[in-house]
């Protein structure tokens, strides 16, 4: 049986619409999966910039990508966060510490935390074991609830933002 060109086109359109509807019903986006972002140096010694961000228009989400930072405030599902950098200890007593921007600096962002955020703890879900890889990045997947309970502690992390939301939070282990 040979179908007419118009009937074939109609069937193709119906099947395409059905596939999109099924994808949306399953809770997925018909768009491509989240892109792979370039990871910054875990112990980078300078603040990461976001050249496209306009800090004069108030606090808002960072552009898509991975920021080495920490959360400075959390309320109502929204996290405020700033970039951080590694400061080497000049006295020789320790290797160093992370530091945020100086007082008065307006380099801050705010994004909702995704309901499906991927949280990788550097100290396990109970906070009692070291669960970091050889780069000092957390490897233990824990719940969103555990993440939120720890946000007040200013934990250094690689924070992935996609489409305005925090979708991944990977702690950086510092003894």
C-alpha atoms as a PDB file:
ATOM      1  CA  UNK A   1       0.000   0.000   0.000  1.00  0.00           C
ATOM      2  CA  UNK A   2       1.421   3.333  -1.067  1.00  0.00           C
ATOM      3  CA  UNK A   3       0.517   6.441   0.980  1.00  0.00           C
ATOM      4  CA  UNK A   4       0.029   9.841  -0.572  1.00  0.00           C
ATOM      5  CA  UNK A   5       2.556  12.569   0.171  1.00  0.00           C
ATOM      6  CA  UNK A   6       0.050  14.599   2.216  1.00  0.00           C
ATOM      7  CA  UNK A   7      -1.008  11.549   4.242  1.00  0.00           C
ATOM      8  CA  UNK A   8       2.652  10.677   4.935  1.00  0.00           C
ATOM      9  CA  UNK A   9       3.327  14.251   6.062  1.00  0.00           C
ATOM     10  CA  UNK A  10       0.260  14.201   8.333  1.00  0.00           C
ATOM     11  CA  UNK A  11       1.301  10.885   9.903  1.00  0.00           C
ATOM     12  CA  UNK A  12       4.838  12.181  10.474  1.00  0.00           C
ATOM     13  CA  UNK A  13       3.488  15.310  12.189  1.00  0.00           C
ATOM     14  CA  UNK A  14       1.137  13.290  14.413  1.00  0.00           C
ATOM     15  CA  UNK A  15       3.884  10.841  15.392  1.00  0.00           C
ATOM     16  CA  UNK A  16       6.305  13.699  16.157  1.00  0.00           C
ATOM     17  CA  UNK A  17       3.711  15.488  18.298  1.00  0.00           C
ATOM     18  CA  UNK A  18       2.956  12.222  20.110  1.00  0.00           C
ATOM     19  CA  UNK A  19       6.657  11.676  20.849  1.00  0.00           C
ATOM     20  CA  UNK A  20       7.024  15.222  22.251  1.00  0.00           C
ATOM     21  CA  UNK A  21       3.879  14.807  24.367  1.00  0.00           C
ATOM     22  CA  UNK A  22       5.157  11.487  25.745  1.00  0.00           C
ATOM     23  CA  UNK A  23       8.520  13.051  26.577  1.00  0.00           C
ATOM     24  CA  UNK A  24       6.858  15.965  28.390  1.00  0.00           C
ATOM     25  CA  UNK A  25       4.480  13.640  30.228  1.00  0.00           C
ATOM     26  CA  UNK A  26       7.479  11.663  31.484  1.00  0.00           C
ATOM     27  CA  UNK A  27       8.856  14.879  33.004  1.00  0.00           C
ATOM     28  CA  UNK A  28      11.778  15.255  30.612  1.00  0.00           C
ATOM     29  CA  UNK A  29      12.609  18.149  28.388  1.00  0.00           C
ATOM     30  CA  UNK A  30      12.521  17.590  24.643  1.00  0.00           C
ATOM     31  CA  UNK A  31      15.724  19.650  24.499  1.00  0.00           C
ATOM     32  CA  UNK A  32      19.118  18.015  24.656  1.00  0.00           C
ATOM     33  CA  UNK A  33      20.533  16.907  28.009  1.00  0.00           C
ATOM     34  CA  UNK A  34      22.491  19.333  30.175  1.00  0.00           C
ATOM     35  CA  UNK A  35      25.779  20.232  28.487  1.00  0.00           C
ATOM     36  CA  UNK A  36      29.093  19.236  30.019  1.00  0.00           C
ATOM     37  CA  UNK A  37      30.671  22.311  31.613  1.00  0.00           C
ATOM     38  CA  UNK A  38      34.382  22.920  32.055  1.00  0.00           C
ATOM     39  CA  UNK A  39      35.340  22.307  35.674  1.00  0.00           C
ATOM     40  CA  UNK A  40      37.423  25.046  37.324  1.00  0.00           C
ATOM     41  CA  UNK A  41      40.562  24.267  39.303  1.00  0.00           C
ATOM     42  CA  UNK A  42      39.406  22.926  42.664  1.00  0.00           C
ATOM     43  CA  UNK A  43      42.043  24.964  44.519  1.00  0.00           C
ATOM     44  CA  UNK A  44      42.190  27.908  42.109  1.00  0.00           C
ATOM     45  CA  UNK A  45      43.846  31.019  43.545  1.00  0.00           C
ATOM     46  CA  UNK A  46      41.692  33.629  41.801  1.00  0.00           C
ATOM     47  CA  UNK A  47      37.969  34.337  41.784  1.00  0.00           C
ATOM     48  CA  UNK A  48      36.055  33.067  38.783  1.00  0.00           C
ATOM     49  CA  UNK A  49      34.347  35.771  36.776  1.00  0.00           C
ATOM     50  CA  UNK A  50      31.041  35.827  34.945  1.00  0.00           C
ATOM     51  CA  UNK A  51      31.613  38.524  32.315  1.00  0.00           C
ATOM     52  CA  UNK A  52      27.987  38.409  31.084  1.00  0.00           C
ATOM     53  CA  UNK A  53      26.543  39.019  34.568  1.00  0.00           C
ATOM     54  CA  UNK A  54      25.330  42.528  35.426  1.00  0.00           C
ATOM     55  CA  UNK A  55      25.759  42.971  39.173  1.00  0.00           C
ATOM     56  CA  UNK A  56      24.158  46.437  39.060  1.00  0.00           C
ATOM     57  CA  UNK A  57      20.735  44.839  38.476  1.00  0.00           C
ATOM     58  CA  UNK A  58      20.571  43.098  41.840  1.00  0.00           C
ATOM     59  CA  UNK A  59      21.299  39.569  42.902  1.00  0.00           C
ATOM     60  CA  UNK A  60      20.349  36.951  40.305  1.00  0.00           C
ATOM     61  CA  UNK A  61      21.439  33.514  39.041  1.00  0.00           C
ATOM     62  CA  UNK A  62      24.896  33.004  37.603  1.00  0.00           C
ATOM     63  CA  UNK A  63      25.099  31.981  33.962  1.00  0.00           C
ATOM     64  CA  UNK A  64      25.172  28.260  33.195  1.00  0.00           C
ATOM     65  CA  UNK A  65      28.375  26.577  34.309  1.00  0.00           C
ATOM     66  CA  UNK A  66      30.382  25.513  37.346  1.00  0.00           C
ATOM     67  CA  UNK A  67      31.444  27.979  40.030  1.00  0.00           C
ATOM     68  CA  UNK A  68      33.900  27.300  42.836  1.00  0.00           C
ATOM     69  CA  UNK A  69      31.997  28.936  45.668  1.00  0.00           C
ATOM     70  CA  UNK A  70      30.001  28.646  48.844  1.00  0.00           C
ATOM     71  CA  UNK A  71      26.506  29.490  49.968  1.00  0.00           C
ATOM     72  CA  UNK A  72      26.275  32.583  52.171  1.00  0.00           C
ATOM     73  CA  UNK A  73      22.504  32.522  52.769  1.00  0.00           C
ATOM     74  CA  UNK A  74      19.610  30.137  52.166  1.00  0.00           C
ATOM     75  CA  UNK A  75      15.897  30.905  52.474  1.00  0.00           C
ATOM     76  CA  UNK A  76      12.712  29.760  50.790  1.00  0.00           C
ATOM     77  CA  UNK A  77      14.434  27.361  48.411  1.00  0.00           C
ATOM     78  CA  UNK A  78      16.862  30.002  47.114  1.00  0.00           C
ATOM     79  CA  UNK A  79      20.600  29.976  47.838  1.00  0.00           C
ATOM     80  CA  UNK A  80      22.775  33.072  47.713  1.00  0.00           C
ATOM     81  CA  UNK A  81      26.356  32.195  46.850  1.00  0.00           C
ATOM     82  CA  UNK A  82      29.703  33.829  46.105  1.00  0.00           C
ATOM     83  CA  UNK A  83      32.867  32.747  44.330  1.00  0.00           C
ATOM     84  CA  UNK A  84      35.787  31.618  46.489  1.00  0.00           C
ATOM     85  CA  UNK A  85      39.507  31.227  45.970  1.00  0.00           C
ATOM     86  CA  UNK A  86      42.264  29.259  47.660  1.00  0.00           C
ATOM     87  CA  UNK A  87      44.632  31.376  49.745  1.00  0.00           C
ATOM     88  CA  UNK A  88      47.989  29.724  50.465  1.00  0.00           C
ATOM     89  CA  UNK A  89      49.213  30.030  54.036  1.00  0.00           C
ATOM     90  CA  UNK A  90      52.378  32.131  54.190  1.00  0.00           C
ATOM     91  CA  UNK A  91      53.301  31.079  57.749  1.00  0.00           C
ATOM     92  CA  UNK A  92      53.722  27.399  56.923  1.00  0.00           C
ATOM     93  CA  UNK A  93      51.301  26.299  59.651  1.00  0.00           C
ATOM     94  CA  UNK A  94      48.667  25.041  57.197  1.00  0.00           C
ATOM     95  CA  UNK A  95      48.362  24.534  53.465  1.00  0.00           C
ATOM     96  CA  UNK A  96      45.845  27.362  53.240  1.00  0.00           C
ATOM     97  CA  UNK A  97      42.120  28.122  53.280  1.00  0.00           C
ATOM     98  CA  UNK A  98      39.278  29.266  51.047  1.00  0.00           C
ATOM     99  CA  UNK A  99      38.249  32.913  51.116  1.00  0.00           C
ATOM    100  CA  UNK A 100      35.315  34.801  49.628  1.00  0.00           C
ATOM    101  CA  UNK A 101      35.290  38.304  48.152  1.00  0.00           C
ATOM    102  CA  UNK A 102      36.192  41.168  50.513  1.00  0.00           C
ATOM    103  CA  UNK A 103      33.543  42.948  52.585  1.00  0.00           C
ATOM    104  CA  UNK A 104      31.477  45.299  50.421  1.00  0.00           C
ATOM    105  CA  UNK A 105      32.120  43.374  47.185  1.00  0.00           C
ATOM    106  CA  UNK A 106      28.858  42.828  45.280  1.00  0.00           C
ATOM    107  CA  UNK A 107      29.960  39.635  43.512  1.00  0.00           C
ATOM    108  CA  UNK A 108      27.092  37.411  44.617  1.00  0.00           C
ATOM    109  CA  UNK A 109      24.457  35.290  42.927  1.00  0.00           C
ATOM    110  CA  UNK A 110      21.123  33.755  43.930  1.00  0.00           C
ATOM    111  CA  UNK A 111      19.502  30.670  42.431  1.00  0.00           C
ATOM    112  CA  UNK A 112      16.796  28.247  43.484  1.00  0.00           C
ATOM    113  CA  UNK A 113      18.076  24.794  44.394  1.00  0.00           C
ATOM    114  CA  UNK A 114      16.598  22.223  42.027  1.00  0.00           C
ATOM    115  CA  UNK A 115      14.281  19.644  43.571  1.00  0.00           C
ATOM    116  CA  UNK A 116      16.483  17.053  41.845  1.00  0.00           C
ATOM    117  CA  UNK A 117      19.847  18.579  42.855  1.00  0.00           C
ATOM    118  CA  UNK A 118      22.779  16.161  42.822  1.00  0.00           C
ATOM    119  CA  UNK A 119      24.595  16.663  46.143  1.00  0.00           C
ATOM    120  CA  UNK A 120      27.965  14.961  46.591  1.00  0.00           C
ATOM    121  CA  UNK A 121      29.228  15.182  50.151  1.00  0.00           C
ATOM    122  CA  UNK A 122      32.913  15.157  51.092  1.00  0.00           C
ATOM    123  CA  UNK A 123      32.057  13.865  54.582  1.00  0.00           C
ATOM    124  CA  UNK A 124      29.272  11.374  53.911  1.00  0.00           C
ATOM    125  CA  UNK A 125      25.572  11.842  54.492  1.00  0.00           C
ATOM    126  CA  UNK A 126      26.036  11.781  58.280  1.00  0.00           C
ATOM    127  CA  UNK A 127      29.087  14.068  58.138  1.00  0.00           C
ATOM    128  CA  UNK A 128      31.340  11.573  59.919  1.00  0.00           C
ATOM    129  CA  UNK A 129      33.434   9.953  57.153  1.00  0.00           C
ATOM    130  CA  UNK A 130      35.735  11.358  54.510  1.00  0.00           C
ATOM    131  CA  UNK A 131      34.106  10.591  51.162  1.00  0.00           C
ATOM    132  CA  UNK A 132      36.297  12.583  48.781  1.00  0.00           C
ATOM    133  CA  UNK A 133      38.332  11.563  45.770  1.00  0.00           C
ATOM    134  CA  UNK A 134      42.007  12.341  45.121  1.00  0.00           C
ATOM    135  CA  UNK A 135      41.024  15.861  43.937  1.00  0.00           C
ATOM    136  CA  UNK A 136      39.286  16.520  47.301  1.00  0.00           C
ATOM    137  CA  UNK A 137      35.816  16.460  45.700  1.00  0.00           C
ATOM    138  CA  UNK A 138      32.896  14.798  47.462  1.00  0.00           C
ATOM    139  CA  UNK A 139      31.796  11.450  46.059  1.00  0.00           C
ATOM    140  CA  UNK A 140      28.966  10.352  48.381  1.00  0.00           C
ATOM    141  CA  UNK A 141      25.549  11.129  46.881  1.00  0.00           C
ATOM    142  CA  UNK A 142      23.218  12.459  49.587  1.00  0.00           C
ATOM    143  CA  UNK A 143      19.707  13.892  49.601  1.00  0.00           C
ATOM    144  CA  UNK A 144      18.634  17.480  48.995  1.00  0.00           C
ATOM    145  CA  UNK A 145      17.513  17.573  52.621  1.00  0.00           C
ATOM    146  CA  UNK A 146      21.077  16.812  53.822  1.00  0.00           C
ATOM    147  CA  UNK A 147      22.453  19.515  51.517  1.00  0.00           C
ATOM    148  CA  UNK A 148      20.055  22.130  52.864  1.00  0.00           C
ATOM    149  CA  UNK A 149      20.896  21.191  56.461  1.00  0.00           C
ATOM    150  CA  UNK A 150      24.574  21.964  55.757  1.00  0.00           C
ATOM    151  CA  UNK A 151      24.273  25.231  53.855  1.00  0.00           C
ATOM    152  CA  UNK A 152      24.723  27.431  56.925  1.00  0.00           C
ATOM    153  CA  UNK A 153      28.278  26.091  57.327  1.00  0.00           C
ATOM    154  CA  UNK A 154      29.772  27.894  54.271  1.00  0.00           C
ATOM    155  CA  UNK A 155      31.080  24.679  52.735  1.00  0.00           C
ATOM    156  CA  UNK A 156      33.397  25.157  49.753  1.00  0.00           C
ATOM    157  CA  UNK A 157      31.991  23.439  46.685  1.00  0.00           C
ATOM    158  CA  UNK A 158      31.760  23.273  42.940  1.00  0.00           C
ATOM    159  CA  UNK A 159      28.286  24.655  42.267  1.00  0.00           C
ATOM    160  CA  UNK A 160      26.737  23.808  38.898  1.00  0.00           C
ATOM    161  CA  UNK A 161      24.047  26.168  37.632  1.00  0.00           C
ATOM    162  CA  UNK A 162      21.867  25.224  34.678  1.00  0.00           C
ATOM    163  CA  UNK A 163      18.887  27.202  33.401  1.00  0.00           C
ATOM    164  CA  UNK A 164      19.014  29.435  36.483  1.00  0.00           C
ATOM    165  CA  UNK A 165      18.905  26.619  39.069  1.00  0.00           C
ATOM    166  CA  UNK A 166      21.561  24.911  41.162  1.00  0.00           C
ATOM    167  CA  UNK A 167      21.535  21.371  39.788  1.00  0.00           C
ATOM    168  CA  UNK A 168      24.741  19.990  41.328  1.00  0.00           C
ATOM    169  CA  UNK A 169      26.631  20.762  44.529  1.00  0.00           C
ATOM    170  CA  UNK A 170      29.933  18.929  45.021  1.00  0.00           C
ATOM    171  CA  UNK A 171      31.702  19.693  48.286  1.00  0.00           C
ATOM    172  CA  UNK A 172      35.444  20.309  48.404  1.00  0.00           C
ATOM    173  CA  UNK A 173      37.141  18.516  51.282  1.00  0.00           C
ATOM    174  CA  UNK A 174      39.430  20.649  53.433  1.00  0.00           C
ATOM    175  CA  UNK A 175      40.763  19.052  56.629  1.00  0.00           C
END
